[in-house]
Amino acid sequence: MSLRTVLILFLAVGVLAALGMFWNQHAIERVMRDGYGTTGKIISAKVVSPRFPFVFDGGWPRYVDENLSIGLQWTGRDGVQRERTGIAVSAAYAARIMVGNQLKLLTIPIQAVDDDSSLPVIVEDLDDHLSHIRSTSRFLAVGAGVCAVLVMLVIGWCDASIRRLHAGELLH
């Protein structure tokens, strides 16, 4: 695999991950703006591997940017019992709801929207989680920018090498 291919791969992954973080941040902000306050019950937790940081909720993969994701259950304004899994929580919040390897099945304040496409937001974890998302987004965006510059430099170097090669062939 060439250096150019590796850099293009890193660039693509960085851009996709940065976009995923951007959409995640805006989804959280939308739920906080348009949602309603209620209480939810923590029903499950899953440690998310950094090697495969995706969860499947309803068949769709979703990037989880933290090491622990939880499942919540609540009753919506429409009276329907709802349940969602794969809700990322910050490391600080994870330390509050875990005792060793045991999960505390707590009732917590959440902000929710009654649709199946939005995850509820844990009110107590909002600041820590958004701070983590913003810092990770900045890191990914800078990394993607560096890869883009390196790709352009490698492409320019390859083009210059080919031109020198052809110019040398024309002289002989």
N, C-alpha and C. Protein backbone atom coordinates (compact mmCIF):
# COMPACT_ATOMS: atom_id res chain seq x y z
N MET A 1 0.86 -1.17 0.00
CA MET A 1 0.00 0.00 0.00
C MET A 1 0.91 1.23 0.00
N SER A 2 0.61 2.17 -0.85
CA SER A 2 1.45 3.36 -0.99
C SER A 2 1.15 4.38 0.11
N LEU A 3 2.07 5.30 0.30
CA LEU A 3 1.89 6.37 1.27
C LEU A 3 0.66 7.20 0.93
N ARG A 4 0.45 7.46 -0.34
CA ARG A 4 -0.71 8.24 -0.77
C ARG A 4 -2.01 7.53 -0.39
N THR A 5 -2.08 6.24 -0.59
CA THR A 5 -3.28 5.47 -0.25
C THR A 5 -3.54 5.50 1.25
N VAL A 6 -2.49 5.33 2.04
CA VAL A 6 -2.64 5.37 3.50
C VAL A 6 -3.13 6.75 3.95
N LEU A 7 -2.55 7.79 3.40
CA LEU A 7 -2.97 9.14 3.78
C LEU A 7 -4.42 9.42 3.37
N ILE A 8 -4.80 8.96 2.20
CA ILE A 8 -6.18 9.14 1.75
C ILE A 8 -7.14 8.37 2.65
N LEU A 9 -6.74 7.18 3.07
CA LEU A 9 -7.56 6.39 3.99
C LEU A 9 -7.71 7.11 5.33
N PHE A 10 -6.60 7.62 5.89
CA PHE A 10 -6.67 8.37 7.14
C PHE A 10 -7.53 9.62 6.99
N LEU A 11 -7.40 10.30 5.86
CA LEU A 11 -8.20 11.49 5.60
C LEU A 11 -9.69 11.14 5.58
N ALA A 12 -10.05 10.08 4.87
CA ALA A 12 -11.47 9.68 4.78
C ALA A 12 -12.02 9.30 6.15
N VAL A 13 -11.28 8.52 6.91
CA VAL A 13 -11.74 8.11 8.24
C VAL A 13 -11.86 9.32 9.15
N GLY A 14 -10.88 10.22 9.11
CA GLY A 14 -10.93 11.42 9.94
C GLY A 14 -12.10 12.32 9.61
N VAL A 15 -12.37 12.51 8.33
CA VAL A 15 -13.49 13.35 7.92
C VAL A 15 -14.82 12.71 8.33
N LEU A 16 -14.97 11.41 8.11
CA LEU A 16 -16.22 10.73 8.49
C LEU A 16 -16.43 10.76 10.00
N ALA A 17 -15.37 10.52 10.77
CA ALA A 17 -15.50 10.54 12.23
C ALA A 17 -15.82 11.96 12.72
N ALA A 18 -15.16 12.98 12.14
CA ALA A 18 -15.45 14.36 12.53
C ALA A 18 -16.90 14.73 12.21
N LEU A 19 -17.39 14.31 11.05
CA LEU A 19 -18.78 14.56 10.70
C LEU A 19 -19.73 13.85 11.66
N GLY A 20 -19.40 12.61 12.03
CA GLY A 20 -20.21 11.87 13.00
C GLY A 20 -20.29 12.58 14.34
N MET A 21 -19.16 13.11 14.79
CA MET A 21 -19.13 13.85 16.05
C MET A 21 -19.94 15.14 15.93
N PHE A 22 -19.83 15.82 14.79
CA PHE A 22 -20.59 17.05 14.54
C PHE A 22 -22.09 16.76 14.60
N TRP A 23 -22.53 15.70 13.92
CA TRP A 23 -23.96 15.34 13.92
C TRP A 23 -24.41 14.94 15.32
N ASN A 24 -23.55 14.23 16.05
CA ASN A 24 -23.88 13.82 17.41
C ASN A 24 -24.09 15.05 18.29
N GLN A 25 -23.19 16.02 18.19
CA GLN A 25 -23.31 17.24 18.99
C GLN A 25 -24.60 17.98 18.65
N HIS A 26 -24.93 18.09 17.38
CA HIS A 26 -26.15 18.79 17.00
C HIS A 26 -27.41 18.02 17.38
N ALA A 27 -27.34 16.70 17.39
CA ALA A 27 -28.49 15.90 17.83
C ALA A 27 -28.74 16.13 19.32
N ILE A 28 -27.67 16.18 20.11
CA ILE A 28 -27.82 16.45 21.54
C ILE A 28 -28.40 17.84 21.76
N GLU A 29 -27.88 18.82 21.05
CA GLU A 29 -28.38 20.19 21.18
C GLU A 29 -29.84 20.30 20.75
N ARG A 30 -30.24 19.55 19.73
CA ARG A 30 -31.64 19.56 19.28
C ARG A 30 -32.57 18.97 20.35
N VAL A 31 -32.14 17.86 20.97
CA VAL A 31 -32.96 17.25 22.02
C VAL A 31 -33.08 18.20 23.21
N MET A 32 -32.00 18.88 23.55
CA MET A 32 -32.06 19.83 24.66
C MET A 32 -32.97 21.02 24.33
N ARG A 33 -32.99 21.43 23.07
CA ARG A 33 -33.80 22.58 22.65
C ARG A 33 -35.28 22.19 22.48
N ASP A 34 -35.54 21.07 21.81
CA ASP A 34 -36.90 20.71 21.42
C ASP A 34 -37.56 19.68 22.34
N GLY A 35 -36.79 19.06 23.21
CA GLY A 35 -37.31 17.97 24.03
C GLY A 35 -38.01 18.44 25.29
N TYR A 36 -38.38 17.47 26.09
CA TYR A 36 -39.04 17.73 27.36
C TYR A 36 -38.29 16.98 28.46
N GLY A 37 -38.37 17.48 29.66
CA GLY A 37 -37.72 16.85 30.79
C GLY A 37 -38.57 15.74 31.37
N THR A 38 -37.95 14.63 31.72
CA THR A 38 -38.64 13.51 32.35
C THR A 38 -37.59 12.70 33.12
N THR A 39 -38.00 11.57 33.64
CA THR A 39 -37.04 10.69 34.32
C THR A 39 -36.94 9.38 33.55
N GLY A 40 -35.74 8.86 33.53
CA GLY A 40 -35.49 7.59 32.87
C GLY A 40 -34.80 6.64 33.83
N LYS A 41 -34.96 5.38 33.59
CA LYS A 41 -34.33 4.36 34.44
C LYS A 41 -33.19 3.70 33.66
N ILE A 42 -32.02 3.68 34.27
CA ILE A 42 -30.89 2.99 33.67
C ILE A 42 -31.16 1.49 33.77
N ILE A 43 -31.14 0.80 32.64
CA ILE A 43 -31.46 -0.62 32.64
C ILE A 43 -30.30 -1.51 32.22
N SER A 44 -29.28 -0.92 31.57
CA SER A 44 -28.16 -1.74 31.13
C SER A 44 -26.94 -0.86 30.88
N ALA A 45 -25.81 -1.51 30.80
CA ALA A 45 -24.57 -0.81 30.45
C ALA A 45 -23.70 -1.76 29.65
N LYS A 46 -22.92 -1.18 28.77
CA LYS A 46 -22.03 -1.98 27.93
C LYS A 46 -20.73 -1.22 27.76
N VAL A 47 -19.62 -1.90 28.02
CA VAL A 47 -18.32 -1.30 27.77
C VAL A 47 -18.08 -1.34 26.27
N VAL A 48 -17.71 -0.19 25.71
CA VAL A 48 -17.50 -0.08 24.27
C VAL A 48 -16.00 -0.18 24.00
N SER A 49 -15.64 -1.11 23.16
CA SER A 49 -14.24 -1.32 22.81
C SER A 49 -13.74 -0.17 21.94
N PRO A 50 -12.55 0.37 22.25
CA PRO A 50 -12.02 1.42 21.38
C PRO A 50 -11.63 0.89 20.00
N ARG A 51 -11.51 -0.43 19.87
CA ARG A 51 -11.19 -1.00 18.56
C ARG A 51 -12.41 -1.04 17.65
N PHE A 52 -13.59 -1.15 18.23
CA PHE A 52 -14.81 -1.16 17.44
C PHE A 52 -15.85 -0.31 18.18
N PRO A 53 -15.74 1.02 18.08
CA PRO A 53 -16.59 1.91 18.89
C PRO A 53 -17.97 2.16 18.28
N PHE A 54 -18.65 1.11 17.89
CA PHE A 54 -19.99 1.25 17.31
C PHE A 54 -20.96 0.37 18.07
N VAL A 55 -22.19 0.84 18.19
CA VAL A 55 -23.28 0.05 18.75
C VAL A 55 -24.37 -0.01 17.70
N PHE A 56 -25.20 -1.03 17.81
CA PHE A 56 -26.30 -1.19 16.87
C PHE A 56 -27.60 -1.05 17.65
N ASP A 57 -28.35 -0.02 17.31
CA ASP A 57 -29.62 0.25 17.97
C ASP A 57 -30.67 0.32 16.87
N GLY A 58 -31.51 -0.67 16.80
CA GLY A 58 -32.52 -0.70 15.76
C GLY A 58 -31.93 -1.07 14.40
N GLY A 59 -30.80 -1.75 14.39
CA GLY A 59 -30.19 -2.20 13.15
C GLY A 59 -29.22 -1.22 12.53
N TRP A 60 -29.22 0.04 12.98
CA TRP A 60 -28.33 1.06 12.43
C TRP A 60 -27.09 1.20 13.30
N PRO A 61 -25.91 1.23 12.69
CA PRO A 61 -24.71 1.45 13.49
C PRO A 61 -24.60 2.91 13.92
N ARG A 62 -24.11 3.10 15.13
CA ARG A 62 -23.92 4.45 15.64
C ARG A 62 -22.58 4.52 16.35
N TYR A 63 -21.78 5.55 16.06
CA TYR A 63 -20.48 5.74 16.68
C TYR A 63 -20.67 6.17 18.13
N VAL A 64 -20.01 5.49 19.06
CA VAL A 64 -20.05 5.85 20.47
C VAL A 64 -18.69 6.40 20.84
N ASP A 65 -18.66 7.64 21.26
CA ASP A 65 -17.41 8.34 21.50
C ASP A 65 -16.88 8.19 22.92
N GLU A 66 -17.49 7.41 23.74
CA GLU A 66 -17.05 7.19 25.12
C GLU A 66 -16.84 5.70 25.36
N ASN A 67 -16.31 5.35 26.54
CA ASN A 67 -15.99 3.95 26.84
C ASN A 67 -17.17 3.15 27.39
N LEU A 68 -18.24 3.83 27.79
CA LEU A 68 -19.39 3.13 28.36
C LEU A 68 -20.65 3.67 27.70
N SER A 69 -21.53 2.76 27.31
CA SER A 69 -22.84 3.17 26.83
C SER A 69 -23.88 2.49 27.71
N ILE A 70 -24.99 3.18 27.90
CA ILE A 70 -26.04 2.65 28.77
C ILE A 70 -27.34 2.51 28.00
N GLY A 71 -28.23 1.75 28.61
CA GLY A 71 -29.60 1.62 28.10
C GLY A 71 -30.53 2.34 29.06
N LEU A 72 -31.50 3.06 28.51
CA LEU A 72 -32.48 3.79 29.31
C LEU A 72 -33.89 3.37 28.95
N GLN A 73 -34.77 3.48 29.92
CA GLN A 73 -36.18 3.20 29.71
C GLN A 73 -36.96 4.36 30.33
N TRP A 74 -37.96 4.87 29.61
CA TRP A 74 -38.79 5.96 30.10
C TRP A 74 -40.14 5.91 29.43
N THR A 75 -41.08 6.65 29.99
CA THR A 75 -42.41 6.78 29.39
C THR A 75 -42.48 8.15 28.73
N GLY A 76 -42.79 8.15 27.44
CA GLY A 76 -42.85 9.40 26.69
C GLY A 76 -44.10 10.19 27.01
N ARG A 77 -44.13 11.40 26.52
CA ARG A 77 -45.31 12.26 26.70
C ARG A 77 -46.55 11.64 26.07
N ASP A 78 -46.33 10.85 25.04
CA ASP A 78 -47.43 10.20 24.36
C ASP A 78 -47.91 8.94 25.08
N GLY A 79 -47.32 8.63 26.26
CA GLY A 79 -47.72 7.48 27.06
C GLY A 79 -47.08 6.17 26.63
N VAL A 80 -46.25 6.20 25.62
CA VAL A 80 -45.60 4.98 25.11
C VAL A 80 -44.32 4.73 25.90
N GLN A 81 -44.16 3.47 26.32
CA GLN A 81 -42.94 3.06 27.02
C GLN A 81 -41.81 2.98 25.99
N ARG A 82 -40.74 3.71 26.22
CA ARG A 82 -39.62 3.75 25.28
C ARG A 82 -38.38 3.19 25.93
N GLU A 83 -37.51 2.63 25.07
CA GLU A 83 -36.25 2.07 25.54
C GLU A 83 -35.20 2.28 24.47
N ARG A 84 -34.04 2.79 24.85
CA ARG A 84 -32.93 2.99 23.92
C ARG A 84 -31.66 2.50 24.57
N THR A 85 -30.80 1.91 23.76
CA THR A 85 -29.49 1.47 24.23
C THR A 85 -28.41 2.21 23.45
N GLY A 86 -27.18 2.07 23.90
CA GLY A 86 -26.06 2.69 23.20
C GLY A 86 -25.93 4.17 23.45
N ILE A 87 -26.39 4.65 24.59
CA ILE A 87 -26.29 6.07 24.93
C ILE A 87 -24.96 6.28 25.63
N ALA A 88 -24.06 6.98 24.98
CA ALA A 88 -22.72 7.19 25.53
C ALA A 88 -22.78 8.10 26.75
N VAL A 89 -21.96 7.76 27.75
CA VAL A 89 -21.82 8.60 28.94
C VAL A 89 -20.34 8.91 29.14
N SER A 90 -20.06 10.06 29.72
CA SER A 90 -18.68 10.47 29.95
C SER A 90 -18.05 9.57 31.01
N ALA A 91 -16.73 9.60 31.08
CA ALA A 91 -16.00 8.80 32.06
C ALA A 91 -16.37 9.22 33.48
N ALA A 92 -16.55 10.52 33.69
CA ALA A 92 -16.92 11.01 35.02
C ALA A 92 -18.30 10.48 35.43
N TYR A 93 -19.25 10.49 34.51
CA TYR A 93 -20.60 9.99 34.84
C TYR A 93 -20.57 8.47 35.00
N ALA A 94 -19.78 7.79 34.19
CA ALA A 94 -19.66 6.33 34.32
C ALA A 94 -19.15 5.96 35.70
N ALA A 95 -18.23 6.74 36.24
CA ALA A 95 -17.70 6.47 37.58
C ALA A 95 -18.78 6.63 38.65
N ARG A 96 -19.76 7.51 38.40
CA ARG A 96 -20.85 7.71 39.36
C ARG A 96 -21.90 6.62 39.33
N ILE A 97 -22.08 5.97 38.17
CA ILE A 97 -23.15 4.98 38.07
C ILE A 97 -22.64 3.54 38.15
N MET A 98 -21.32 3.38 38.25
CA MET A 98 -20.74 2.05 38.36
C MET A 98 -20.08 1.90 39.73
N VAL A 99 -20.22 0.71 40.30
CA VAL A 99 -19.51 0.35 41.52
C VAL A 99 -18.73 -0.91 41.17
N GLY A 100 -17.44 -0.74 40.90
CA GLY A 100 -16.65 -1.86 40.39
C GLY A 100 -17.17 -2.20 39.00
N ASN A 101 -17.62 -3.44 38.86
CA ASN A 101 -18.20 -3.88 37.58
C ASN A 101 -19.72 -3.90 37.62
N GLN A 102 -20.31 -3.41 38.71
CA GLN A 102 -21.76 -3.45 38.87
C GLN A 102 -22.38 -2.09 38.54
N LEU A 103 -23.45 -2.13 37.78
CA LEU A 103 -24.18 -0.93 37.38
C LEU A 103 -25.25 -0.61 38.42
N LYS A 104 -25.34 0.66 38.79
CA LYS A 104 -26.43 1.10 39.66
C LYS A 104 -27.65 1.34 38.76
N LEU A 105 -28.73 0.68 39.05
CA LEU A 105 -29.95 0.85 38.26
C LEU A 105 -30.73 2.04 38.84
N LEU A 106 -30.33 3.22 38.45
CA LEU A 106 -30.85 4.46 38.98
C LEU A 106 -31.94 5.05 38.11
N THR A 107 -32.76 5.89 38.73
CA THR A 107 -33.69 6.73 37.99
C THR A 107 -33.04 8.11 37.91
N ILE A 108 -32.91 8.62 36.69
CA ILE A 108 -32.16 9.86 36.47
C ILE A 108 -32.96 10.84 35.63
N PRO A 109 -32.66 12.15 35.75
CA PRO A 109 -33.33 13.14 34.90
C PRO A 109 -32.76 13.08 33.47
N ILE A 110 -33.66 13.07 32.50
CA ILE A 110 -33.26 13.06 31.09
C ILE A 110 -34.08 14.09 30.33
N GLN A 111 -33.60 14.40 29.16
CA GLN A 111 -34.33 15.24 28.20
C GLN A 111 -34.60 14.33 27.01
N ALA A 112 -35.82 14.27 26.54
CA ALA A 112 -36.17 13.33 25.48
C ALA A 112 -37.09 13.97 24.45
N VAL A 113 -37.11 13.36 23.28
CA VAL A 113 -38.02 13.71 22.20
C VAL A 113 -38.73 12.42 21.83
N ASP A 114 -40.04 12.50 21.60
CA ASP A 114 -40.81 11.29 21.30
C ASP A 114 -40.73 10.91 19.82
N ASP A 115 -39.54 10.58 19.37
CA ASP A 115 -39.39 9.99 18.05
C ASP A 115 -38.33 8.89 18.17
N ASP A 116 -38.32 8.01 17.22
CA ASP A 116 -37.42 6.86 17.31
C ASP A 116 -36.02 7.15 16.78
N SER A 117 -35.79 8.36 16.27
CA SER A 117 -34.48 8.66 15.72
C SER A 117 -33.58 9.42 16.69
N SER A 118 -34.11 9.92 17.80
CA SER A 118 -33.34 10.72 18.74
C SER A 118 -33.06 9.96 20.02
N LEU A 119 -31.81 10.06 20.47
CA LEU A 119 -31.45 9.47 21.75
C LEU A 119 -31.79 10.46 22.86
N PRO A 120 -32.21 9.97 24.02
CA PRO A 120 -32.40 10.88 25.14
C PRO A 120 -31.05 11.41 25.62
N VAL A 121 -31.07 12.54 26.27
CA VAL A 121 -29.86 13.16 26.80
C VAL A 121 -29.92 13.10 28.33
N ILE A 122 -28.84 12.64 28.93
CA ILE A 122 -28.75 12.58 30.38
C ILE A 122 -28.35 13.97 30.87
N VAL A 123 -29.24 14.61 31.58
CA VAL A 123 -29.06 16.01 31.97
C VAL A 123 -27.80 16.17 32.83
N GLU A 124 -27.57 15.27 33.78
CA GLU A 124 -26.42 15.38 34.68
C GLU A 124 -25.09 15.21 33.96
N ASP A 125 -25.09 14.62 32.78
CA ASP A 125 -23.86 14.34 32.04
C ASP A 125 -23.67 15.27 30.84
N LEU A 126 -24.57 16.19 30.64
CA LEU A 126 -24.57 17.02 29.43
C LEU A 126 -23.26 17.78 29.24
N ASP A 127 -22.80 18.52 30.25
CA ASP A 127 -21.61 19.35 30.09
C ASP A 127 -20.35 18.51 29.82
N ASP A 128 -20.15 17.44 30.60
CA ASP A 128 -18.97 16.60 30.40
C ASP A 128 -18.99 15.93 29.03
N HIS A 129 -20.15 15.44 28.64
CA HIS A 129 -20.26 14.74 27.36
C HIS A 129 -20.05 15.68 26.18
N LEU A 130 -20.67 16.85 26.21
CA LEU A 130 -20.47 17.82 25.12
C LEU A 130 -19.03 18.32 25.07
N SER A 131 -18.41 18.50 26.22
CA SER A 131 -17.00 18.91 26.25
C SER A 131 -16.12 17.86 25.58
N HIS A 132 -16.39 16.59 25.87
CA HIS A 132 -15.63 15.50 25.24
C HIS A 132 -15.86 15.48 23.73
N ILE A 133 -17.09 15.64 23.30
CA ILE A 133 -17.41 15.64 21.87
C ILE A 133 -16.69 16.79 21.16
N ARG A 134 -16.72 17.96 21.75
CA ARG A 134 -16.08 19.13 21.12
C ARG A 134 -14.57 18.95 21.01
N SER A 135 -13.93 18.45 22.07
CA SER A 135 -12.47 18.28 22.01
C SER A 135 -12.09 17.18 21.02
N THR A 136 -12.86 16.10 20.99
CA THR A 136 -12.58 15.02 20.04
C THR A 136 -12.81 15.50 18.60
N SER A 137 -13.85 16.30 18.39
CA SER A 137 -14.13 16.85 17.05
C SER A 137 -12.98 17.71 16.58
N ARG A 138 -12.47 18.57 17.45
CA ARG A 138 -11.34 19.43 17.09
C ARG A 138 -10.12 18.59 16.72
N PHE A 139 -9.84 17.56 17.51
CA PHE A 139 -8.70 16.70 17.24
C PHE A 139 -8.85 16.01 15.89
N LEU A 140 -10.03 15.47 15.62
CA LEU A 140 -10.27 14.78 14.35
C LEU A 140 -10.19 15.75 13.17
N ALA A 141 -10.72 16.95 13.33
CA ALA A 141 -10.67 17.93 12.24
C ALA A 141 -9.24 18.36 11.95
N VAL A 142 -8.44 18.58 12.99
CA VAL A 142 -7.03 18.94 12.78
C VAL A 142 -6.28 17.79 12.12
N GLY A 143 -6.54 16.56 12.60
CA GLY A 143 -5.89 15.39 11.99
C GLY A 143 -6.25 15.23 10.53
N ALA A 144 -7.52 15.43 10.20
CA ALA A 144 -7.95 15.34 8.80
C ALA A 144 -7.31 16.45 7.97
N GLY A 145 -7.19 17.63 8.54
CA GLY A 145 -6.54 18.74 7.83
C GLY A 145 -5.07 18.45 7.55
N VAL A 146 -4.38 17.90 8.54
CA VAL A 146 -2.97 17.53 8.34
C VAL A 146 -2.85 16.47 7.26
N CYS A 147 -3.74 15.47 7.30
CA CYS A 147 -3.71 14.43 6.26
C CYS A 147 -3.99 15.02 4.88
N ALA A 148 -4.90 15.96 4.80
CA ALA A 148 -5.21 16.60 3.51
C ALA A 148 -3.99 17.33 2.96
N VAL A 149 -3.30 18.05 3.82
CA VAL A 149 -2.09 18.76 3.39
C VAL A 149 -1.04 17.76 2.94
N LEU A 150 -0.85 16.69 3.71
CA LEU A 150 0.14 15.67 3.34
C LEU A 150 -0.22 14.99 2.03
N VAL A 151 -1.50 14.71 1.81
CA VAL A 151 -1.94 14.11 0.54
C VAL A 151 -1.59 15.03 -0.61
N MET A 152 -1.87 16.32 -0.46
CA MET A 152 -1.57 17.27 -1.53
C MET A 152 -0.06 17.34 -1.79
N LEU A 153 0.74 17.32 -0.73
CA LEU A 153 2.20 17.34 -0.90
C LEU A 153 2.70 16.08 -1.61
N VAL A 154 2.17 14.92 -1.23
CA VAL A 154 2.58 13.67 -1.87
C VAL A 154 2.16 13.65 -3.34
N ILE A 155 0.95 14.09 -3.61
CA ILE A 155 0.48 14.13 -5.01
C ILE A 155 1.34 15.10 -5.82
N GLY A 156 1.64 16.27 -5.25
CA GLY A 156 2.50 17.23 -5.93
C GLY A 156 3.90 16.68 -6.17
N TRP A 157 4.44 15.99 -5.19
CA TRP A 157 5.78 15.39 -5.33
C TRP A 157 5.76 14.32 -6.43
N CYS A 158 4.71 13.49 -6.45
CA CYS A 158 4.62 12.44 -7.49
C CYS A 158 4.50 13.07 -8.88
N ASP A 159 3.67 14.11 -9.01
CA ASP A 159 3.53 14.78 -10.30
C ASP A 159 4.84 15.41 -10.75
N ALA A 160 5.55 16.04 -9.83
CA ALA A 160 6.84 16.66 -10.17
C ALA A 160 7.85 15.59 -10.59
N SER A 161 7.83 14.44 -9.91
CA SER A 161 8.74 13.34 -10.25
C SER A 161 8.44 12.81 -11.64
N ILE A 162 7.18 12.67 -11.97
CA ILE A 162 6.79 12.17 -13.30
C ILE A 162 7.19 13.17 -14.37
N ARG A 163 6.98 14.47 -14.11
CA ARG A 163 7.37 15.49 -15.09
C ARG A 163 8.88 15.49 -15.32
N ARG A 164 9.65 15.36 -14.22
CA ARG A 164 11.12 15.31 -14.39
C ARG A 164 11.54 14.09 -15.18
N LEU A 165 10.86 12.96 -14.93
CA LEU A 165 11.16 11.73 -15.64
C LEU A 165 10.87 11.89 -17.13
N HIS A 166 9.70 12.45 -17.44
CA HIS A 166 9.34 12.66 -18.86
C HIS A 166 10.25 13.70 -19.51
N ALA A 167 10.63 14.73 -18.80
CA ALA A 167 11.54 15.75 -19.35
C ALA A 167 12.90 15.12 -19.63
N GLY A 168 13.35 14.23 -18.76
CA GLY A 168 14.62 13.54 -18.99
C GLY A 168 14.56 12.61 -20.17
N GLU A 169 13.44 11.95 -20.40
CA GLU A 169 13.28 11.05 -21.55
C GLU A 169 13.27 11.85 -22.85
N LEU A 170 12.68 13.04 -22.82
CA LEU A 170 12.61 13.86 -24.01
C LEU A 170 14.00 14.39 -24.42
N LEU A 171 14.87 14.61 -23.43
CA LEU A 171 16.20 15.11 -23.72
C LEU A 171 17.08 14.03 -24.36
N HIS A 172 16.83 12.78 -24.08
CA HIS A 172 17.67 11.71 -24.61
C HIS A 172 17.13 11.19 -25.88
